[in-house]
């Protein structure tokens, strides 16, 4: 049996598919993520994360998007563990 868990996008393992359940932060943070197409209900795949606090690369629809580490921490996703 698989358990679903809500975690930050930065905590998600590379290669995992997930669904966005919440976007945290102030109006500016939410606006920036919205402009990138990152919003509640979207499904994405975390492709890679650069070492340390580097950017996170995700596949969202037909696009690959690089999200800064600080922004990615505000994206809460649901994954199966």
PDB file of N, CA and C in Angstrom:
ATOM      1  N   UNK A   1       0.833  -1.184   0.000  1.00  0.00           N
ATOM      2  CA  UNK A   1       0.000   0.000   0.000  1.00  0.00           C
ATOM      3  C   UNK A   1       0.875   1.245   0.000  1.00  0.00           C
ATOM      4  N   UNK A   2       0.554   2.163  -0.883  1.00  0.00           N
ATOM      5  CA  UNK A   2       1.333   3.395  -0.963  1.00  0.00           C
ATOM      6  C   UNK A   2       0.670   4.490  -0.128  1.00  0.00           C
ATOM      7  N   UNK A   3       1.503   5.270   0.529  1.00  0.00           N
ATOM      8  CA  UNK A   3       1.027   6.363   1.357  1.00  0.00           C
ATOM      9  C   UNK A   3       1.332   7.674   0.638  1.00  0.00           C
ATOM     10  N   UNK A   4       0.364   8.569   0.600  1.00  0.00           N
ATOM     11  CA  UNK A   4       0.589   9.884   0.004  1.00  0.00           C
ATOM     12  C   UNK A   4       0.998  10.851   1.099  1.00  0.00           C
ATOM     13  N   UNK A   5       1.948  11.701   0.760  1.00  0.00           N
ATOM     14  CA  UNK A   5       2.508  12.627   1.737  1.00  0.00           C
ATOM     15  C   UNK A   5       2.671  14.000   1.100  1.00  0.00           C
ATOM     16  N   UNK A   6       2.393  15.054   1.852  1.00  0.00           N
ATOM     17  CA  UNK A   6       2.602  16.423   1.383  1.00  0.00           C
ATOM     18  C   UNK A   6       3.960  16.908   1.857  1.00  0.00           C
ATOM     19  N   UNK A   7       4.806  17.293   0.901  1.00  0.00           N
ATOM     20  CA  UNK A   7       6.145  17.777   1.216  1.00  0.00           C
ATOM     21  C   UNK A   7       6.485  18.951   0.308  1.00  0.00           C
ATOM     22  N   UNK A   8       7.547  19.640   0.643  1.00  0.00           N
ATOM     23  CA  UNK A   8       8.050  20.727  -0.195  1.00  0.00           C
ATOM     24  C   UNK A   8       8.651  20.142  -1.472  1.00  0.00           C
ATOM     25  N   UNK A   9       8.576  20.884  -2.568  1.00  0.00           N
ATOM     26  CA  UNK A   9       9.153  20.427  -3.829  1.00  0.00           C
ATOM     27  C   UNK A   9      10.650  20.149  -3.691  1.00  0.00           C
ATOM     28  N   UNK A  10      11.332  20.898  -2.839  1.00  0.00           N
ATOM     29  CA  UNK A  10      12.761  20.681  -2.644  1.00  0.00           C
ATOM     30  C   UNK A  10      13.051  19.350  -1.949  1.00  0.00           C
ATOM     31  N   UNK A  11      12.078  18.809  -1.209  1.00  0.00           N
ATOM     32  CA  UNK A  11      12.252  17.527  -0.510  1.00  0.00           C
ATOM     33  C   UNK A  11      11.866  16.329  -1.372  1.00  0.00           C
ATOM     34  N   UNK A  12      11.195  16.581  -2.484  1.00  0.00           N
ATOM     35  CA  UNK A  12      10.773  15.519  -3.400  1.00  0.00           C
ATOM     36  C   UNK A  12      12.001  14.928  -4.095  1.00  0.00           C
ATOM     37  N   UNK A  13      12.002  13.629  -4.312  1.00  0.00           N
ATOM     38  CA  UNK A  13      13.130  12.973  -4.977  1.00  0.00           C
ATOM     39  C   UNK A  13      13.095  13.232  -6.477  1.00  0.00           C
ATOM     40  N   UNK A  14      14.279  13.270  -7.084  1.00  0.00           N
ATOM     41  CA  UNK A  14      14.384  13.449  -8.529  1.00  0.00           C
ATOM     42  C   UNK A  14      13.666  12.316  -9.257  1.00  0.00           C
ATOM     43  N   UNK A  15      12.941  12.670 -10.319  1.00  0.00           N
ATOM     44  CA  UNK A  15      12.242  11.676 -11.121  1.00  0.00           C
ATOM     45  C   UNK A  15      10.839  11.358 -10.655  1.00  0.00           C
ATOM     46  N   UNK A  16      10.424  11.876  -9.508  1.00  0.00           N
ATOM     47  CA  UNK A  16       9.096  11.584  -8.978  1.00  0.00           C
ATOM     48  C   UNK A  16       8.038  12.507  -9.564  1.00  0.00           C
ATOM     49  N   UNK A  17       6.899  11.922  -9.879  1.00  0.00           N
ATOM     50  CA  UNK A  17       5.736  12.700 -10.300  1.00  0.00           C
ATOM     51  C   UNK A  17       4.994  13.154  -9.050  1.00  0.00           C
ATOM     52  N   UNK A  18       4.443  14.347  -9.111  1.00  0.00           N
ATOM     53  CA  UNK A  18       3.724  14.864  -7.954  1.00  0.00           C
ATOM     54  C   UNK A  18       2.647  15.848  -8.411  1.00  0.00           C
ATOM     55  N   UNK A  19       1.774  16.183  -7.479  1.00  0.00           N
ATOM     56  CA  UNK A  19       0.697  17.126  -7.752  1.00  0.00           C
ATOM     57  C   UNK A  19       0.797  18.258  -6.749  1.00  0.00           C
ATOM     58  N   UNK A  20       0.680  19.488  -7.221  1.00  0.00           N
ATOM     59  CA  UNK A  20       0.781  20.646  -6.340  1.00  0.00           C
ATOM     60  C   UNK A  20      -0.506  20.772  -5.526  1.00  0.00           C
ATOM     61  N   UNK A  21      -0.356  20.798  -4.208  1.00  0.00           N
ATOM     62  CA  UNK A  21      -1.515  20.922  -3.329  1.00  0.00           C
ATOM     63  C   UNK A  21      -1.605  22.307  -2.694  1.00  0.00           C
ATOM     64  N   UNK A  22      -0.512  23.063  -2.676  1.00  0.00           N
ATOM     65  CA  UNK A  22      -0.535  24.412  -2.110  1.00  0.00           C
ATOM     66  C   UNK A  22       0.692  25.190  -2.578  1.00  0.00           C
ATOM     67  N   UNK A  23       0.512  26.497  -2.660  1.00  0.00           N
ATOM     68  CA  UNK A  23       1.627  27.398  -2.934  1.00  0.00           C
ATOM     69  C   UNK A  23       1.644  28.401  -1.785  1.00  0.00           C
ATOM     70  N   UNK A  24       2.744  28.410  -1.039  1.00  0.00           N
ATOM     71  CA  UNK A  24       2.880  29.272   0.126  1.00  0.00           C
ATOM     72  C   UNK A  24       3.591  30.568  -0.249  1.00  0.00           C
ATOM     73  N   UNK A  25       3.584  31.511   0.665  1.00  0.00           N
ATOM     74  CA  UNK A  25       4.326  32.740   0.443  1.00  0.00           C
ATOM     75  C   UNK A  25       3.418  33.941   0.282  1.00  0.00           C
ATOM     76  N   UNK A  26       4.051  35.106   0.122  1.00  0.00           N
ATOM     77  CA  UNK A  26       3.284  36.337  -0.036  1.00  0.00           C
ATOM     78  C   UNK A  26       2.800  36.490  -1.479  1.00  0.00           C
ATOM     79  N   UNK A  27       2.151  37.606  -1.741  1.00  0.00           N
ATOM     80  CA  UNK A  27       1.564  37.859  -3.058  1.00  0.00           C
ATOM     81  C   UNK A  27       2.612  37.840  -4.167  1.00  0.00           C
ATOM     82  N   UNK A  28       3.790  38.378  -3.891  1.00  0.00           N
ATOM     83  CA  UNK A  28       4.865  38.435  -4.883  1.00  0.00           C
ATOM     84  C   UNK A  28       5.369  37.029  -5.232  1.00  0.00           C
ATOM     85  N   UNK A  29       5.565  36.199  -4.226  1.00  0.00           N
ATOM     86  CA  UNK A  29       6.026  34.822  -4.445  1.00  0.00           C
ATOM     87  C   UNK A  29       4.993  34.044  -5.249  1.00  0.00           C
ATOM     88  N   UNK A  30       3.744  34.120  -4.828  1.00  0.00           N
ATOM     89  CA  UNK A  30       2.676  33.410  -5.527  1.00  0.00           C
ATOM     90  C   UNK A  30       2.539  33.901  -6.966  1.00  0.00           C
ATOM     91  N   UNK A  31       2.684  35.211  -7.178  1.00  0.00           N
ATOM     92  CA  UNK A  31       2.600  35.773  -8.521  1.00  0.00           C
ATOM     93  C   UNK A  31       3.719  35.280  -9.424  1.00  0.00           C
ATOM     94  N   UNK A  32       4.921  35.204  -8.882  1.00  0.00           N
ATOM     95  CA  UNK A  32       6.073  34.727  -9.666  1.00  0.00           C
ATOM     96  C   UNK A  32       5.876  33.266 -10.074  1.00  0.00           C
ATOM     97  N   UNK A  33       5.432  32.433  -9.137  1.00  0.00           N
ATOM     98  CA  UNK A  33       5.200  31.026  -9.445  1.00  0.00           C
ATOM     99  C   UNK A  33       4.051  30.860 -10.426  1.00  0.00           C
ATOM    100  N   UNK A  34       3.005  31.658 -10.270  1.00  0.00           N
ATOM    101  CA  UNK A  34       1.868  31.624 -11.197  1.00  0.00           C
ATOM    102  C   UNK A  34       2.327  31.964 -12.614  1.00  0.00           C
ATOM    103  N   UNK A  35       3.217  32.943 -12.741  1.00  0.00           N
ATOM    104  CA  UNK A  35       3.748  33.338 -14.046  1.00  0.00           C
ATOM    105  C   UNK A  35       4.537  32.199 -14.702  1.00  0.00           C
ATOM    106  N   UNK A  36       5.105  31.329 -13.890  1.00  0.00           N
ATOM    107  CA  UNK A  36       5.838  30.163 -14.411  1.00  0.00           C
ATOM    108  C   UNK A  36       4.908  28.985 -14.705  1.00  0.00           C
ATOM    109  N   UNK A  37       3.639  29.121 -14.356  1.00  0.00           N
ATOM    110  CA  UNK A  37       2.682  28.037 -14.568  1.00  0.00           C
ATOM    111  C   UNK A  37       2.578  27.090 -13.396  1.00  0.00           C
ATOM    112  N   UNK A  38       3.172  27.469 -12.270  1.00  0.00           N
ATOM    113  CA  UNK A  38       3.151  26.638 -11.067  1.00  0.00           C
ATOM    114  C   UNK A  38       1.980  27.094 -10.210  1.00  0.00           C
ATOM    115  N   UNK A  39       0.908  26.264 -10.177  1.00  0.00           N
ATOM    116  CA  UNK A  39      -0.290  26.612  -9.405  1.00  0.00           C
ATOM    117  C   UNK A  39      -0.916  25.350  -8.847  1.00  0.00           C
ATOM    118  N   UNK A  40      -1.764  25.521  -7.852  1.00  0.00           N
ATOM    119  CA  UNK A  40      -2.432  24.404  -7.192  1.00  0.00           C
ATOM    120  C   UNK A  40      -3.185  23.561  -8.216  1.00  0.00           C
ATOM    121  N   UNK A  41      -3.039  22.240  -8.082  1.00  0.00           N
ATOM    122  CA  UNK A  41      -3.737  21.302  -8.960  1.00  0.00           C
ATOM    123  C   UNK A  41      -2.912  20.811 -10.137  1.00  0.00           C
ATOM    124  N   UNK A  42      -1.824  21.503 -10.472  1.00  0.00           N
ATOM    125  CA  UNK A  42      -0.983  21.091 -11.597  1.00  0.00           C
ATOM    126  C   UNK A  42      -0.161  19.870 -11.223  1.00  0.00           C
ATOM    127  N   UNK A  43       0.048  19.011 -12.199  1.00  0.00           N
ATOM    128  CA  UNK A  43       0.919  17.853 -12.003  1.00  0.00           C
ATOM    129  C   UNK A  43       2.260  18.156 -12.644  1.00  0.00           C
ATOM    130  N   UNK A  44       3.314  17.699 -11.993  1.00  0.00           N
ATOM    131  CA  UNK A  44       4.648  17.916 -12.536  1.00  0.00           C
ATOM    132  C   UNK A  44       5.568  16.777 -12.152  1.00  0.00           C
ATOM    133  N   UNK A  45       6.724  16.764 -12.781  1.00  0.00           N
ATOM    134  CA  UNK A  45       7.756  15.775 -12.476  1.00  0.00           C
ATOM    135  C   UNK A  45       9.014  16.541 -12.099  1.00  0.00           C
ATOM    136  N   UNK A  46       9.574  16.224 -10.948  1.00  0.00           N
ATOM    137  CA  UNK A  46      10.833  16.846 -10.552  1.00  0.00           C
ATOM    138  C   UNK A  46      11.942  16.124 -11.296  1.00  0.00           C
ATOM    139  N   UNK A  47      12.596  16.839 -12.191  1.00  0.00           N
ATOM    140  CA  UNK A  47      13.634  16.241 -13.012  1.00  0.00           C
ATOM    141  C   UNK A  47      14.962  16.186 -12.254  1.00  0.00           C
ATOM    142  N   UNK A  48      15.438  17.332 -11.818  1.00  0.00           N
ATOM    143  CA  UNK A  48      16.701  17.380 -11.071  1.00  0.00           C
ATOM    144  C   UNK A  48      16.705  18.557 -10.106  1.00  0.00           C
ATOM    145  N   UNK A  49      17.645  18.509  -9.201  1.00  0.00           N
ATOM    146  CA  UNK A  49      17.922  19.645  -8.323  1.00  0.00           C
ATOM    147  C   UNK A  49      19.431  19.790  -8.261  1.00  0.00           C
ATOM    148  N   UNK A  50      19.903  20.984  -8.508  1.00  0.00           N
ATOM    149  CA  UNK A  50      21.336  21.228  -8.478  1.00  0.00           C
ATOM    150  C   UNK A  50      21.843  21.100  -7.041  1.00  0.00           C
ATOM    151  N   UNK A  51      23.115  20.746  -6.864  1.00  0.00           N
ATOM    152  CA  UNK A  51      23.667  20.548  -5.516  1.00  0.00           C
ATOM    153  C   UNK A  51      23.504  21.778  -4.626  1.00  0.00           C
ATOM    154  N   UNK A  52      23.408  21.517  -3.351  1.00  0.00           N
ATOM    155  CA  UNK A  52      23.262  22.597  -2.379  1.00  0.00           C
ATOM    156  C   UNK A  52      21.898  23.235  -2.502  1.00  0.00           C
ATOM    157  N   UNK A  53      21.885  24.535  -2.582  1.00  0.00           N
ATOM    158  CA  UNK A  53      20.628  25.268  -2.704  1.00  0.00           C
ATOM    159  C   UNK A  53      20.427  25.767  -4.124  1.00  0.00           C
ATOM    160  N   UNK A  54      20.809  24.943  -5.085  1.00  0.00           N
ATOM    161  CA  UNK A  54      20.671  25.304  -6.488  1.00  0.00           C
ATOM    162  C   UNK A  54      19.249  25.169  -6.976  1.00  0.00           C
ATOM    163  N   UNK A  55      18.999  25.602  -8.209  1.00  0.00           N
ATOM    164  CA  UNK A  55      17.638  25.554  -8.753  1.00  0.00           C
ATOM    165  C   UNK A  55      17.108  24.137  -8.944  1.00  0.00           C
ATOM    166  N   UNK A  56      15.786  24.052  -8.945  1.00  0.00           N
ATOM    167  CA  UNK A  56      15.073  22.795  -9.159  1.00  0.00           C
ATOM    168  C   UNK A  56      14.517  22.832 -10.575  1.00  0.00           C
ATOM    169  N   UNK A  57      14.740  21.760 -11.339  1.00  0.00           N
ATOM    170  CA  UNK A  57      14.218  21.658 -12.696  1.00  0.00           C
ATOM    171  C   UNK A  57      13.005  20.728 -12.662  1.00  0.00           C
ATOM    172  N   UNK A  58      11.857  21.225 -13.153  1.00  0.00           N
ATOM    173  CA  UNK A  58      10.642  20.420 -13.186  1.00  0.00           C
ATOM    174  C   UNK A  58      10.081  20.395 -14.603  1.00  0.00           C
ATOM    175  N   UNK A  59       9.362  19.322 -14.903  1.00  0.00           N
ATOM    176  CA  UNK A  59       8.618  19.217 -16.153  1.00  0.00           C
ATOM    177  C   UNK A  59       7.163  19.458 -15.808  1.00  0.00           C
ATOM    178  N   UNK A  60       6.589  20.489 -16.411  1.00  0.00           N
ATOM    179  CA  UNK A  60       5.202  20.860 -16.162  1.00  0.00           C
ATOM    180  C   UNK A  60       4.528  20.972 -17.526  1.00  0.00           C
ATOM    181  N   UNK A  61       3.702  19.978 -17.842  1.00  0.00           N
ATOM    182  CA  UNK A  61       3.103  19.944 -19.184  1.00  0.00           C
ATOM    183  C   UNK A  61       4.175  19.640 -20.218  1.00  0.00           C
ATOM    184  N   UNK A  62       4.308  20.507 -21.214  1.00  0.00           N
ATOM    185  CA  UNK A  62       5.319  20.323 -22.263  1.00  0.00           C
ATOM    186  C   UNK A  62       6.573  21.142 -22.017  1.00  0.00           C
ATOM    187  N   UNK A  63       6.698  21.726 -20.845  1.00  0.00           N
ATOM    188  CA  UNK A  63       7.794  22.637 -20.571  1.00  0.00           C
ATOM    189  C   UNK A  63       8.682  22.147 -19.442  1.00  0.00           C
ATOM    190  N   UNK A  64       9.964  22.493 -19.535  1.00  0.00           N
ATOM    191  CA  UNK A  64      10.904  22.317 -18.426  1.00  0.00           C
ATOM    192  C   UNK A  64      11.096  23.684 -17.813  1.00  0.00           C
ATOM    193  N   UNK A  65      10.963  23.765 -16.509  1.00  0.00           N
ATOM    194  CA  UNK A  65      11.039  25.041 -15.810  1.00  0.00           C
ATOM    195  C   UNK A  65      12.096  24.944 -14.719  1.00  0.00           C
ATOM    196  N   UNK A  66      12.946  25.959 -14.639  1.00  0.00           N
ATOM    197  CA  UNK A  66      13.921  26.058 -13.549  1.00  0.00           C
ATOM    198  C   UNK A  66      13.340  26.997 -12.501  1.00  0.00           C
ATOM    199  N   UNK A  67      13.266  26.511 -11.272  1.00  0.00           N
ATOM    200  CA  UNK A  67      12.726  27.301 -10.167  1.00  0.00           C
ATOM    201  C   UNK A  67      13.824  27.444  -9.123  1.00  0.00           C
ATOM    202  N   UNK A  68      14.081  28.670  -8.699  1.00  0.00           N
ATOM    203  CA  UNK A  68      15.062  28.903  -7.649  1.00  0.00           C
ATOM    204  C   UNK A  68      14.717  28.141  -6.383  1.00  0.00           C
ATOM    205  N   UNK A  69      15.723  27.761  -5.627  1.00  0.00           N
ATOM    206  CA  UNK A  69      15.526  26.956  -4.422  1.00  0.00           C
ATOM    207  C   UNK A  69      14.546  27.608  -3.453  1.00  0.00           C
ATOM    208  N   UNK A  70      14.698  28.916  -3.217  1.00  0.00           N
ATOM    209  CA  UNK A  70      13.825  29.617  -2.275  1.00  0.00           C
ATOM    210  C   UNK A  70      12.363  29.570  -2.735  1.00  0.00           C
ATOM    211  N   UNK A  71      12.120  29.755  -4.030  1.00  0.00           N
ATOM    212  CA  UNK A  71      10.754  29.671  -4.555  1.00  0.00           C
ATOM    213  C   UNK A  71      10.228  28.242  -4.452  1.00  0.00           C
ATOM    214  N   UNK A  72      11.067  27.268  -4.783  1.00  0.00           N
ATOM    215  CA  UNK A  72      10.648  25.865  -4.774  1.00  0.00           C
ATOM    216  C   UNK A  72      10.239  25.399  -3.382  1.00  0.00           C
ATOM    217  N   UNK A  73      10.805  25.996  -2.357  1.00  0.00           N
ATOM    218  CA  UNK A  73      10.433  25.629  -0.984  1.00  0.00           C
ATOM    219  C   UNK A  73       8.985  26.004  -0.676  1.00  0.00           C
ATOM    220  N   UNK A  74       8.427  26.940  -1.421  1.00  0.00           N
ATOM    221  CA  UNK A  74       7.047  27.399  -1.209  1.00  0.00           C
ATOM    222  C   UNK A  74       6.028  26.530  -1.931  1.00  0.00           C
ATOM    223  N   UNK A  75       6.478  25.577  -2.726  1.00  0.00           N
ATOM    224  CA  UNK A  75       5.578  24.704  -3.472  1.00  0.00           C
ATOM    225  C   UNK A  75       5.408  23.402  -2.698  1.00  0.00           C
ATOM    226  N   UNK A  76       4.191  23.146  -2.238  1.00  0.00           N
ATOM    227  CA  UNK A  76       3.888  21.936  -1.476  1.00  0.00           C
ATOM    228  C   UNK A  76       3.237  20.933  -2.425  1.00  0.00           C
ATOM    229  N   UNK A  77       3.833  19.760  -2.503  1.00  0.00           N
ATOM    230  CA  UNK A  77       3.359  18.728  -3.449  1.00  0.00           C
ATOM    231  C   UNK A  77       2.937  17.476  -2.706  1.00  0.00           C
ATOM    232  N   UNK A  78       2.109  16.685  -3.362  1.00  0.00           N
ATOM    233  CA  UNK A  78       1.635  15.409  -2.841  1.00  0.00           C
ATOM    234  C   UNK A  78       2.338  14.314  -3.617  1.00  0.00           C
ATOM    235  N   UNK A  79       3.073  13.456  -2.927  1.00  0.00           N
ATOM    236  CA  UNK A  79       3.791  12.349  -3.571  1.00  0.00           C
ATOM    237  C   UNK A  79       3.444  11.040  -2.884  1.00  0.00           C
ATOM    238  N   UNK A  80       3.609   9.946  -3.614  1.00  0.00           N
ATOM    239  CA  UNK A  80       3.455   8.614  -3.021  1.00  0.00           C
ATOM    240  C   UNK A  80       4.795   8.166  -2.514  1.00  0.00           C
ATOM    241  N   UNK A  81       4.826   7.699  -1.276  1.00  0.00           N
ATOM    242  CA  UNK A  81       6.076   7.197  -0.691  1.00  0.00           C
ATOM    243  C   UNK A  81       5.959   5.745  -0.307  1.00  0.00           C
TER     244      UNK A  81
END
